[in-house]
């Protein structure tokens, strides 16, 4: 499992996708969300504004991430 350390109280899903280098620019996030299989705490999501907090578990196309 990959760990991602938060520096603020929360991070949006779009910011997270860019921060872990799944896309090269913020403009590509929207297209990525359409094609990717993403769950946050086992719930399917596709909203780039979804807030992520410490303790959240993400799975993006089979890769797991823990927000710490």
N, C-alpha and C. Protein backbone atom coordinates (compact mmCIF):
# COMPACT_ATOMS: atom_id res chain seq x y z
N UNK A 1 0.85 -1.18 0.00
CA UNK A 1 0.00 0.00 0.00
C UNK A 1 0.89 1.24 0.00
N UNK A 2 0.53 2.19 -0.82
CA UNK A 2 1.25 3.46 -0.90
C UNK A 2 0.68 4.42 0.14
N UNK A 3 1.56 5.14 0.82
CA UNK A 3 1.11 6.14 1.79
C UNK A 3 1.29 7.53 1.21
N UNK A 4 0.32 8.41 1.51
CA UNK A 4 0.40 9.80 1.09
C UNK A 4 0.20 10.66 2.32
N UNK A 5 1.20 11.49 2.63
CA UNK A 5 1.14 12.32 3.83
C UNK A 5 0.47 13.66 3.52
N UNK A 6 -0.60 13.93 4.25
CA UNK A 6 -1.32 15.22 4.11
C UNK A 6 -0.55 16.33 4.80
N UNK A 7 -0.52 17.48 4.17
CA UNK A 7 0.12 18.65 4.79
C UNK A 7 -0.93 19.67 5.21
N UNK A 8 -2.18 19.45 4.78
CA UNK A 8 -3.30 20.33 5.11
C UNK A 8 -4.40 19.46 5.72
N UNK A 9 -5.48 20.07 6.22
CA UNK A 9 -6.56 19.26 6.81
C UNK A 9 -7.21 18.29 5.83
N UNK A 10 -7.25 18.67 4.55
CA UNK A 10 -7.82 17.78 3.53
C UNK A 10 -7.21 18.10 2.18
N UNK A 11 -7.47 17.22 1.23
CA UNK A 11 -7.01 17.35 -0.15
C UNK A 11 -8.14 16.87 -1.04
N UNK A 12 -8.36 17.51 -2.18
CA UNK A 12 -9.41 17.02 -3.07
C UNK A 12 -8.88 15.85 -3.90
N UNK A 13 -9.79 15.06 -4.41
CA UNK A 13 -9.41 13.92 -5.24
C UNK A 13 -8.60 14.39 -6.45
N UNK A 14 -9.01 15.47 -7.07
CA UNK A 14 -8.28 16.01 -8.21
C UNK A 14 -6.85 16.40 -7.85
N UNK A 15 -6.68 17.04 -6.70
CA UNK A 15 -5.34 17.42 -6.25
C UNK A 15 -4.50 16.19 -5.95
N UNK A 16 -5.13 15.17 -5.38
CA UNK A 16 -4.42 13.93 -5.06
C UNK A 16 -3.92 13.25 -6.34
N UNK A 17 -4.79 13.14 -7.32
CA UNK A 17 -4.43 12.49 -8.59
C UNK A 17 -3.23 13.19 -9.23
N UNK A 18 -3.21 14.50 -9.16
CA UNK A 18 -2.07 15.24 -9.71
C UNK A 18 -0.83 15.08 -8.83
N UNK A 19 -1.00 15.08 -7.51
CA UNK A 19 0.13 14.99 -6.59
C UNK A 19 0.87 13.65 -6.70
N UNK A 20 0.15 12.58 -7.00
CA UNK A 20 0.81 11.27 -7.12
C UNK A 20 1.20 10.97 -8.57
N UNK A 21 1.16 12.00 -9.40
CA UNK A 21 1.63 11.94 -10.79
C UNK A 21 0.89 10.94 -11.66
N UNK A 22 -0.42 10.80 -11.44
CA UNK A 22 -1.22 9.96 -12.33
C UNK A 22 -1.58 10.73 -13.59
N UNK A 23 -1.54 12.06 -13.51
CA UNK A 23 -1.71 12.93 -14.68
C UNK A 23 -0.64 14.02 -14.60
N UNK A 24 -0.34 14.62 -15.73
CA UNK A 24 0.72 15.63 -15.75
C UNK A 24 0.20 17.05 -15.53
N UNK A 25 -1.11 17.26 -15.70
CA UNK A 25 -1.66 18.60 -15.49
C UNK A 25 -3.06 18.51 -14.89
N UNK A 26 -3.47 19.58 -14.27
CA UNK A 26 -4.80 19.61 -13.67
C UNK A 26 -5.92 19.45 -14.68
N UNK A 27 -5.69 19.91 -15.90
CA UNK A 27 -6.69 19.79 -16.95
C UNK A 27 -6.96 18.35 -17.37
N UNK A 28 -6.02 17.47 -17.12
CA UNK A 28 -6.17 16.06 -17.50
C UNK A 28 -6.95 15.26 -16.46
N UNK A 29 -7.17 15.85 -15.29
CA UNK A 29 -7.85 15.14 -14.20
C UNK A 29 -9.27 14.74 -14.61
N UNK A 30 -9.99 15.63 -15.24
CA UNK A 30 -11.38 15.36 -15.62
C UNK A 30 -11.47 14.13 -16.53
N UNK A 31 -10.62 14.05 -17.53
CA UNK A 31 -10.62 12.89 -18.43
C UNK A 31 -10.20 11.63 -17.69
N UNK A 32 -9.24 11.76 -16.79
CA UNK A 32 -8.78 10.61 -16.01
C UNK A 32 -9.91 10.04 -15.16
N UNK A 33 -10.69 10.93 -14.54
CA UNK A 33 -11.80 10.49 -13.69
C UNK A 33 -12.86 9.71 -14.47
N UNK A 34 -13.03 10.03 -15.74
CA UNK A 34 -14.02 9.33 -16.57
C UNK A 34 -13.60 7.89 -16.83
N UNK A 35 -12.30 7.67 -17.02
CA UNK A 35 -11.82 6.34 -17.41
C UNK A 35 -11.34 5.48 -16.25
N UNK A 36 -10.95 6.09 -15.14
CA UNK A 36 -10.36 5.35 -14.03
C UNK A 36 -11.43 4.73 -13.12
N UNK A 37 -11.06 3.63 -12.49
CA UNK A 37 -11.91 2.98 -11.49
C UNK A 37 -11.38 3.43 -10.12
N UNK A 38 -12.13 4.31 -9.44
CA UNK A 38 -11.66 4.91 -8.18
C UNK A 38 -12.67 4.64 -7.07
N UNK A 39 -12.15 4.18 -5.93
CA UNK A 39 -12.98 4.06 -4.74
C UNK A 39 -12.30 4.78 -3.58
N UNK A 40 -13.11 5.40 -2.74
CA UNK A 40 -12.64 6.02 -1.50
C UNK A 40 -13.42 5.36 -0.38
N UNK A 41 -12.70 4.70 0.50
CA UNK A 41 -13.33 3.94 1.59
C UNK A 41 -14.39 2.98 1.05
N UNK A 42 -14.04 2.30 -0.04
CA UNK A 42 -14.85 1.27 -0.69
C UNK A 42 -16.11 1.79 -1.38
N UNK A 43 -16.22 3.11 -1.56
CA UNK A 43 -17.34 3.70 -2.29
C UNK A 43 -16.82 4.27 -3.60
N UNK A 44 -17.45 3.91 -4.71
CA UNK A 44 -17.02 4.39 -6.03
C UNK A 44 -17.26 5.90 -6.12
N UNK A 45 -16.25 6.62 -6.57
CA UNK A 45 -16.34 8.07 -6.72
C UNK A 45 -15.76 8.51 -8.06
N UNK A 46 -16.20 9.67 -8.53
CA UNK A 46 -15.61 10.27 -9.73
C UNK A 46 -15.66 11.80 -9.67
N UNK A 47 -15.94 12.35 -8.50
CA UNK A 47 -15.97 13.81 -8.34
C UNK A 47 -14.58 14.31 -7.98
N UNK A 48 -14.03 15.21 -8.80
CA UNK A 48 -12.68 15.68 -8.52
C UNK A 48 -12.63 16.55 -7.27
N UNK A 49 -13.77 17.07 -6.83
CA UNK A 49 -13.82 17.89 -5.62
C UNK A 49 -14.01 17.09 -4.34
N UNK A 50 -14.11 15.77 -4.44
CA UNK A 50 -14.28 14.91 -3.25
C UNK A 50 -13.13 15.16 -2.29
N UNK A 51 -13.45 15.49 -1.04
CA UNK A 51 -12.41 15.79 -0.05
C UNK A 51 -11.87 14.50 0.56
N UNK A 52 -10.55 14.44 0.67
CA UNK A 52 -9.86 13.30 1.26
C UNK A 52 -9.24 13.75 2.57
N UNK A 53 -9.39 12.92 3.59
CA UNK A 53 -8.90 13.23 4.93
C UNK A 53 -7.97 12.13 5.41
N UNK A 54 -7.22 12.42 6.50
CA UNK A 54 -6.37 11.40 7.10
C UNK A 54 -7.20 10.16 7.41
N UNK A 55 -6.65 9.00 7.11
CA UNK A 55 -7.33 7.75 7.37
C UNK A 55 -8.10 7.21 6.19
N UNK A 56 -8.33 8.03 5.16
CA UNK A 56 -9.05 7.55 3.98
C UNK A 56 -8.22 6.53 3.21
N UNK A 57 -8.91 5.55 2.66
CA UNK A 57 -8.29 4.51 1.83
C UNK A 57 -8.79 4.68 0.41
N UNK A 58 -7.88 4.81 -0.53
CA UNK A 58 -8.23 4.97 -1.94
C UNK A 58 -7.72 3.79 -2.73
N UNK A 59 -8.47 3.40 -3.72
CA UNK A 59 -8.01 2.44 -4.71
C UNK A 59 -8.23 3.08 -6.07
N UNK A 60 -7.16 3.20 -6.83
CA UNK A 60 -7.23 3.79 -8.16
C UNK A 60 -6.68 2.77 -9.15
N UNK A 61 -7.57 2.22 -9.96
CA UNK A 61 -7.20 1.20 -10.95
C UNK A 61 -6.36 0.08 -10.33
N UNK A 62 -6.77 -0.38 -9.15
CA UNK A 62 -6.12 -1.51 -8.50
C UNK A 62 -4.95 -1.16 -7.60
N UNK A 63 -4.53 0.10 -7.56
CA UNK A 63 -3.44 0.52 -6.69
C UNK A 63 -4.03 1.17 -5.45
N UNK A 64 -3.57 0.73 -4.27
CA UNK A 64 -4.10 1.22 -3.00
C UNK A 64 -3.25 2.36 -2.45
N UNK A 65 -3.94 3.34 -1.86
CA UNK A 65 -3.29 4.48 -1.23
C UNK A 65 -3.93 4.71 0.14
N UNK A 66 -3.11 5.04 1.13
CA UNK A 66 -3.57 5.39 2.48
C UNK A 66 -3.21 6.85 2.71
N UNK A 67 -4.20 7.65 3.09
CA UNK A 67 -3.93 9.06 3.43
C UNK A 67 -3.52 9.10 4.89
N UNK A 68 -2.33 9.66 5.15
CA UNK A 68 -1.83 9.73 6.54
C UNK A 68 -1.55 11.16 6.93
